[in-house]
Amino acid sequence: MTPLIERYLTHLRVERRLAARTLAMYEEALLRLARQAEASATELTQVQPQQVRRWAAHLHAGGLAPRSVALALSAWRGLYRWLGRDGAVASNPVDGVRAPKAAKPLPKALSVDHSVALAEHHGSGDPALEARDACIVELLYGSGLRIAELVGLDIQASADARGWIDLQGGEAHVLGKGSKRRSVPVGSAARSALRAWLPLRAALAKAEQPALFIGRHGTRLTPSQIRSRLKARAMQAGIPSHVHPHMLRHSFASHLLQSSGDLRAVQELLGHAHISTTQVYTKLDFQHLAKVYDAAHPRAKSKP
């Protein structure tokens, strides 16, 4: 890694305060840039637009998905924008370079029946951990939380809290993408699950541990632990899909839109900055309606 890239990554971590996962992806993309420049015997500050186009095409031809190429270009573009602020480059060689077009797969959502079955599943493991996992499912599916928002929840508000639960008010206050705060409703099923979990949590938690969701050792759960527990719970409940936390967020949005038809409300609840991000769920809603039509309407299919 070059000193220049190290300084830029420090800027992203300290000044931009990027999440660790995002920072790791940017680091990987910038290392790709450094390798391409080294292979071409080109200083990073001397890179030209035609080289960037060729390198992006090389990444794609090498099997990198269009989304990953787009991420790499975004990281490279940010580096040169940062260099330009200090006058280290005259222009940004990545400006105008586009990634290959990527197909936009629809988000995968569970059916209502499978979502409810996952939430109501009663496992045979440790009762405290089963109560915790049920509560996790209720908040992911019932409130549409991202996994990072869920992990960041504390049992009460404080100056250092990234998020917290107001059980009496029936709200979860979370810190979403872009460090934007929002409040989402916590439904009756999730409140009941919380009331079942909180007394059991108190017996597991280490002293002064604020996290709402903790493991058997009394410390805050990690995203990977939650993914693993959710996958195992889905298998035990007999759900055929590979279930992950974001699938429950997709299910929340899809089922809410099917019932209400209020796209703006779904946007607010999900914390999307742009309505276009939420509009993907209208396609899921149309798929649902098309299946109902095919199954029920006498003119949907021609008679044999």
Protein backbone atom coordinates (compact mmCIF):
# COMPACT_ATOMS: atom_id res chain seq x y z
CA MET A 1 0.00 0.00 0.00
CA THR A 2 1.37 3.41 -0.96
CA PRO A 3 1.70 6.22 1.62
CA LEU A 4 -0.77 8.25 -0.46
CA ILE A 5 -3.47 5.56 -0.17
CA GLU A 6 -2.72 5.13 3.53
CA ARG A 7 -3.30 8.86 4.10
CA TYR A 8 -6.55 8.75 2.15
CA LEU A 9 -7.83 5.76 4.12
CA THR A 10 -6.98 7.60 7.33
CA HIS A 11 -9.02 10.55 6.02
CA LEU A 12 -11.97 8.23 5.32
CA ARG A 13 -11.75 6.62 8.75
CA VAL A 14 -11.12 9.73 10.87
CA GLU A 15 -12.78 12.61 9.01
CA ARG A 16 -15.44 10.86 6.94
CA ARG A 17 -16.02 8.22 9.65
CA LEU A 18 -16.87 5.47 7.21
CA ALA A 19 -18.10 2.18 8.64
CA ALA A 20 -15.48 -0.56 9.02
CA ARG A 21 -17.08 -2.72 6.32
CA THR A 22 -17.21 0.17 3.83
CA LEU A 23 -13.64 1.12 4.67
CA ALA A 24 -12.47 -2.44 4.00
CA MET A 25 -14.17 -2.47 0.58
CA TYR A 26 -12.60 0.90 -0.30
CA GLU A 27 -9.18 -0.34 0.78
CA GLU A 28 -9.50 -3.39 -1.48
CA ALA A 29 -10.55 -1.20 -4.42
CA LEU A 30 -7.67 1.23 -3.89
CA LEU A 31 -5.19 -1.61 -3.71
CA ARG A 32 -6.50 -2.74 -7.11
CA LEU A 33 -5.82 0.75 -8.42
CA ALA A 34 -2.31 0.74 -6.98
CA ARG A 35 -1.55 -2.65 -8.60
CA GLN A 36 -2.83 -1.48 -11.99
CA ALA A 37 -0.79 1.71 -11.80
CA GLU A 38 2.34 -0.21 -10.77
CA ALA A 39 1.91 -2.68 -13.63
CA SER A 40 1.66 0.28 -16.02
CA ALA A 41 4.67 2.05 -14.46
CA THR A 42 2.43 5.05 -13.73
CA GLU A 43 2.45 7.24 -10.64
CA LEU A 44 -0.99 7.46 -9.04
CA THR A 45 -1.01 11.24 -9.52
CA GLN A 46 -0.27 10.81 -13.24
CA VAL A 47 -3.10 8.38 -14.10
CA GLN A 48 -5.09 9.31 -17.24
CA PRO A 49 -8.79 8.71 -18.06
CA GLN A 50 -8.03 6.20 -20.83
CA GLN A 51 -6.03 4.13 -18.33
CA VAL A 52 -8.93 4.15 -15.88
CA ARG A 53 -11.30 2.96 -18.62
CA ARG A 54 -8.91 0.18 -19.59
CA TRP A 55 -8.41 -0.91 -15.98
CA ALA A 56 -12.14 -0.94 -15.27
CA ALA A 57 -12.70 -3.05 -18.40
CA HIS A 58 -9.91 -5.37 -17.26
CA LEU A 59 -11.57 -5.84 -13.87
CA HIS A 60 -14.88 -6.70 -15.51
CA ALA A 61 -13.26 -9.06 -18.01
CA GLY A 62 -11.53 -10.75 -15.08
CA GLY A 63 -14.88 -11.69 -13.57
CA LEU A 64 -15.58 -8.76 -11.26
CA ALA A 65 -19.31 -8.05 -11.10
CA PRO A 66 -20.59 -4.71 -12.45
CA ARG A 67 -21.54 -3.60 -8.92
CA SER A 68 -18.01 -4.33 -7.71
CA VAL A 69 -16.53 -2.42 -10.65
CA ALA A 70 -18.83 0.50 -9.79
CA LEU A 71 -17.62 0.38 -6.19
CA ALA A 72 -14.00 0.37 -7.34
CA LEU A 73 -14.61 3.39 -9.58
CA SER A 74 -16.35 5.19 -6.74
CA ALA A 75 -13.37 4.59 -4.46
CA TRP A 76 -10.95 5.74 -7.14
CA ARG A 77 -13.04 8.81 -7.91
CA GLY A 78 -13.09 9.75 -4.24
CA LEU A 79 -9.32 9.44 -4.00
CA TYR A 80 -8.74 11.81 -6.91
CA ARG A 81 -11.35 14.24 -5.64
CA TRP A 82 -9.44 14.33 -2.34
CA LEU A 83 -6.14 14.81 -4.19
CA GLY A 84 -7.66 17.59 -6.26
CA ARG A 85 -8.63 19.55 -3.16
CA ASP A 86 -4.92 19.81 -2.29
CA GLY A 87 -3.86 20.54 -5.86
CA ALA A 88 -2.06 17.21 -6.23
CA VAL A 89 -3.89 16.50 -9.52
CA ALA A 90 -5.20 18.92 -12.11
CA SER A 91 -8.33 16.90 -12.92
CA ASN A 92 -10.10 13.76 -11.83
CA PRO A 93 -9.27 10.94 -14.30
CA VAL A 94 -12.23 8.86 -13.10
CA ASP A 95 -14.86 11.49 -13.91
CA GLY A 96 -16.98 10.31 -16.82
CA VAL A 97 -15.87 6.68 -16.54
CA ARG A 98 -18.88 4.44 -16.03
CA ALA A 99 -19.11 0.90 -14.78
CA PRO A 100 -20.76 -1.79 -16.93
CA LYS A 101 -24.52 -1.89 -16.57
CA ALA A 102 -25.66 -4.38 -13.99
CA ALA A 103 -28.90 -6.26 -13.90
CA LYS A 104 -30.99 -5.19 -10.94
CA PRO A 105 -32.27 -8.31 -9.21
CA LEU A 106 -35.35 -7.82 -7.12
CA PRO A 107 -34.86 -8.11 -3.38
CA LYS A 108 -35.85 -11.49 -2.00
CA ALA A 109 -38.67 -11.44 0.53
CA LEU A 110 -40.31 -14.17 2.53
CA SER A 111 -44.00 -14.87 2.25
CA VAL A 112 -46.21 -13.63 5.08
CA ASP A 113 -46.72 -17.20 6.28
CA HIS A 114 -43.00 -17.91 6.39
CA SER A 115 -42.28 -14.59 8.12
CA VAL A 116 -44.83 -15.33 10.83
CA ALA A 117 -43.61 -18.92 11.18
CA LEU A 118 -40.06 -17.67 11.70
CA ALA A 119 -41.18 -15.20 14.34
CA GLU A 120 -43.36 -17.71 16.20
CA HIS A 121 -40.97 -20.66 16.03
CA HIS A 122 -40.28 -22.19 19.45
CA GLY A 123 -36.86 -23.84 19.56
CA SER A 124 -35.63 -26.38 22.07
CA GLY A 125 -32.41 -24.55 23.00
CA ASP A 126 -31.57 -22.26 25.90
CA PRO A 127 -34.85 -20.46 26.80
CA ALA A 128 -33.07 -17.12 27.25
CA LEU A 129 -31.41 -17.30 23.83
CA GLU A 130 -34.64 -18.49 22.21
CA ALA A 131 -36.46 -15.48 23.70
CA ARG A 132 -33.70 -13.18 22.46
CA ASP A 133 -33.79 -14.62 18.94
CA ALA A 134 -37.58 -14.30 18.78
CA CYS A 135 -37.22 -10.65 19.76
CA ILE A 136 -34.57 -10.13 17.06
CA VAL A 137 -36.89 -11.55 14.38
CA GLU A 138 -39.81 -9.42 15.57
CA LEU A 139 -37.76 -6.21 15.30
CA LEU A 140 -36.19 -7.08 11.93
CA TYR A 141 -39.51 -8.05 10.40
CA GLY A 142 -41.88 -5.88 12.44
CA SER A 143 -39.88 -2.63 12.27
CA GLY A 144 -37.76 -3.10 9.13
CA LEU A 145 -34.45 -2.47 10.86
CA ARG A 146 -31.09 -2.91 9.20
CA ILE A 147 -28.79 -5.32 11.02
CA ALA A 148 -26.40 -2.50 12.01
CA GLU A 149 -29.33 -0.57 13.48
CA LEU A 150 -30.46 -3.64 15.40
CA VAL A 151 -26.98 -4.37 16.76
CA GLY A 152 -26.61 -0.75 17.89
CA LEU A 153 -29.74 -0.75 20.04
CA ASP A 154 -29.32 -0.13 23.78
CA ILE A 155 -31.87 -0.80 26.50
CA GLN A 156 -32.27 2.92 27.16
CA ALA A 157 -31.30 6.32 25.81
CA SER A 158 -27.92 7.82 26.72
CA ALA A 159 -25.44 10.33 25.36
CA ASP A 160 -23.38 7.53 23.81
CA ALA A 161 -26.26 5.39 22.52
CA ARG A 162 -26.44 4.77 18.77
CA GLY A 163 -30.02 3.63 19.23
CA TRP A 164 -32.43 2.59 21.92
CA ILE A 165 -35.85 1.11 22.57
CA ASP A 166 -38.69 3.10 24.10
CA LEU A 167 -40.86 0.20 25.18
CA GLN A 168 -43.52 2.36 26.80
CA GLY A 169 -43.80 4.63 23.77
CA GLY A 170 -43.63 1.71 21.34
CA GLU A 171 -40.74 3.14 19.31
CA ALA A 172 -37.20 2.23 18.31
CA HIS A 173 -34.81 5.12 17.80
CA VAL A 174 -31.99 4.11 15.47
CA LEU A 175 -28.92 5.51 13.75
CA GLY A 176 -29.18 4.64 10.07
CA LYS A 177 -27.03 5.12 6.98
CA GLY A 178 -25.27 8.45 6.73
CA SER A 179 -25.57 8.83 10.52
CA LYS A 180 -29.22 9.80 10.08
CA ARG A 181 -31.49 9.19 13.03
CA ARG A 182 -35.06 8.02 12.68
CA SER A 183 -37.79 6.56 14.84
CA VAL A 184 -39.85 3.53 13.82
CA PRO A 185 -42.89 1.95 15.46
CA VAL A 186 -42.47 -1.22 17.50
CA GLY A 187 -45.57 -3.38 17.10
CA SER A 188 -47.41 -5.26 19.81
CA ALA A 189 -45.78 -8.61 18.91
CA ALA A 190 -42.31 -7.08 19.19
CA ARG A 191 -43.21 -5.38 22.49
CA SER A 192 -44.40 -8.71 23.89
CA ALA A 193 -41.15 -10.33 22.74
CA LEU A 194 -39.16 -7.54 24.38
CA ARG A 195 -41.00 -7.98 27.67
CA ALA A 196 -40.16 -11.68 27.56
CA TRP A 197 -36.50 -11.07 26.75
CA LEU A 198 -35.57 -8.16 29.03
CA PRO A 199 -35.82 -10.02 32.39
CA LEU A 200 -33.73 -12.88 30.94
CA ARG A 201 -31.23 -10.42 29.50
CA ALA A 202 -30.66 -8.91 32.95
CA ALA A 203 -29.39 -12.26 34.22
CA LEU A 204 -26.87 -12.57 31.33
CA ALA A 205 -25.60 -9.01 30.94
CA LYS A 206 -22.24 -7.94 32.26
CA ALA A 207 -22.16 -4.97 34.62
CA GLU A 208 -22.97 -1.69 32.87
CA GLN A 209 -23.52 -3.44 29.52
CA PRO A 210 -26.01 -1.20 27.67
CA ALA A 211 -26.66 -3.43 24.62
CA LEU A 212 -30.19 -4.69 24.11
CA PHE A 213 -29.02 -7.89 22.43
CA ILE A 214 -26.20 -9.77 24.12
CA GLY A 215 -24.70 -13.25 23.87
CA ARG A 216 -24.27 -15.91 26.50
CA HIS A 217 -21.06 -14.16 27.65
CA GLY A 218 -22.91 -10.93 28.40
CA THR A 219 -21.48 -8.79 25.59
CA ARG A 220 -23.12 -7.11 22.60
CA LEU A 221 -24.01 -9.45 19.74
CA THR A 222 -22.16 -8.99 16.46
CA PRO A 223 -23.81 -8.97 13.01
CA SER A 224 -22.20 -12.31 12.14
CA GLN A 225 -23.62 -13.91 15.29
CA ILE A 226 -27.09 -12.68 14.42
CA ARG A 227 -26.81 -13.94 10.82
CA SER A 228 -25.76 -17.36 12.10
CA ARG A 229 -28.58 -17.59 14.66
CA LEU A 230 -31.17 -16.43 12.13
CA LYS A 231 -30.04 -18.96 9.53
CA ALA A 232 -30.25 -21.78 12.09
CA ARG A 233 -33.67 -20.63 13.31
CA ALA A 234 -35.04 -20.58 9.75
CA MET A 235 -33.81 -24.12 9.12
CA GLN A 236 -35.39 -25.33 12.37
CA ALA A 237 -38.67 -23.65 11.38
CA GLY A 238 -38.64 -25.51 8.06
CA ILE A 239 -38.32 -22.40 5.88
CA PRO A 240 -36.84 -23.39 2.50
CA SER A 241 -35.13 -20.06 1.75
CA HIS A 242 -31.70 -19.02 2.98
CA VAL A 243 -32.85 -16.38 5.46
CA HIS A 244 -30.64 -13.42 6.34
CA PRO A 245 -31.43 -10.21 8.28
CA HIS A 246 -31.90 -8.00 5.22
CA MET A 247 -34.44 -10.47 3.82
CA LEU A 248 -36.66 -9.67 6.80
CA ARG A 249 -36.29 -5.95 6.07
CA HIS A 250 -37.33 -6.66 2.46
CA SER A 251 -40.27 -8.71 3.76
CA PHE A 252 -41.31 -5.85 6.07
CA ALA A 253 -41.32 -3.37 3.18
CA SER A 254 -43.00 -5.68 0.68
CA HIS A 255 -45.80 -6.79 3.00
CA LEU A 256 -46.41 -3.25 4.24
CA LEU A 257 -46.65 -1.92 0.70
CA GLN A 258 -49.00 -4.75 -0.34
CA SER A 259 -51.32 -3.85 2.52
CA SER A 260 -51.15 -0.06 2.45
CA GLY A 261 -50.02 0.98 -1.03
CA ASP A 262 -48.34 3.99 0.64
CA LEU A 263 -44.89 4.19 -0.93
CA ARG A 264 -43.93 7.42 0.88
CA ALA A 265 -44.72 5.92 4.27
CA VAL A 266 -42.62 2.85 3.49
CA GLN A 267 -39.77 5.15 2.41
CA GLU A 268 -39.89 6.99 5.74
CA LEU A 269 -40.03 3.80 7.78
CA LEU A 270 -37.07 2.30 5.92
CA GLY A 271 -35.04 5.50 6.15
CA HIS A 272 -34.40 5.72 2.40
CA ALA A 273 -33.04 9.08 1.29
CA HIS A 274 -34.60 8.74 -2.19
CA ILE A 275 -37.99 7.38 -3.22
CA SER A 276 -36.33 5.57 -6.15
CA THR A 277 -34.68 3.20 -3.66
CA THR A 278 -38.08 2.27 -2.25
CA GLN A 279 -39.75 1.89 -5.65
CA VAL A 280 -38.15 -1.53 -6.12
CA TYR A 281 -40.79 -2.86 -3.74
CA THR A 282 -43.55 -1.83 -6.14
CA LYS A 283 -42.15 -4.47 -8.51
CA LEU A 284 -42.35 -7.07 -5.76
CA ASP A 285 -45.91 -5.92 -5.10
CA PHE A 286 -46.75 -6.32 -8.81
CA GLN A 287 -45.26 -9.82 -8.79
CA HIS A 288 -47.55 -10.67 -5.87
CA LEU A 289 -50.58 -9.28 -7.67
CA ALA A 290 -49.64 -11.13 -10.87
CA LYS A 291 -49.47 -14.43 -8.99
CA VAL A 292 -52.89 -13.79 -7.46
CA TYR A 293 -54.26 -12.98 -10.92
CA ASP A 294 -52.73 -16.09 -12.51
CA ALA A 295 -54.12 -18.30 -9.77
CA ALA A 296 -57.60 -16.85 -9.53
CA HIS A 297 -58.78 -15.05 -12.65
CA PRO A 298 -60.72 -17.17 -15.18
CA ARG A 299 -59.05 -15.33 -18.08
CA ALA A 300 -55.52 -15.58 -16.73
CA LYS A 301 -54.75 -18.84 -18.51
CA SER A 302 -56.18 -20.41 -21.59
CA LYS A 303 -58.19 -23.58 -21.04
CA PRO A 304 -56.50 -26.83 -22.08
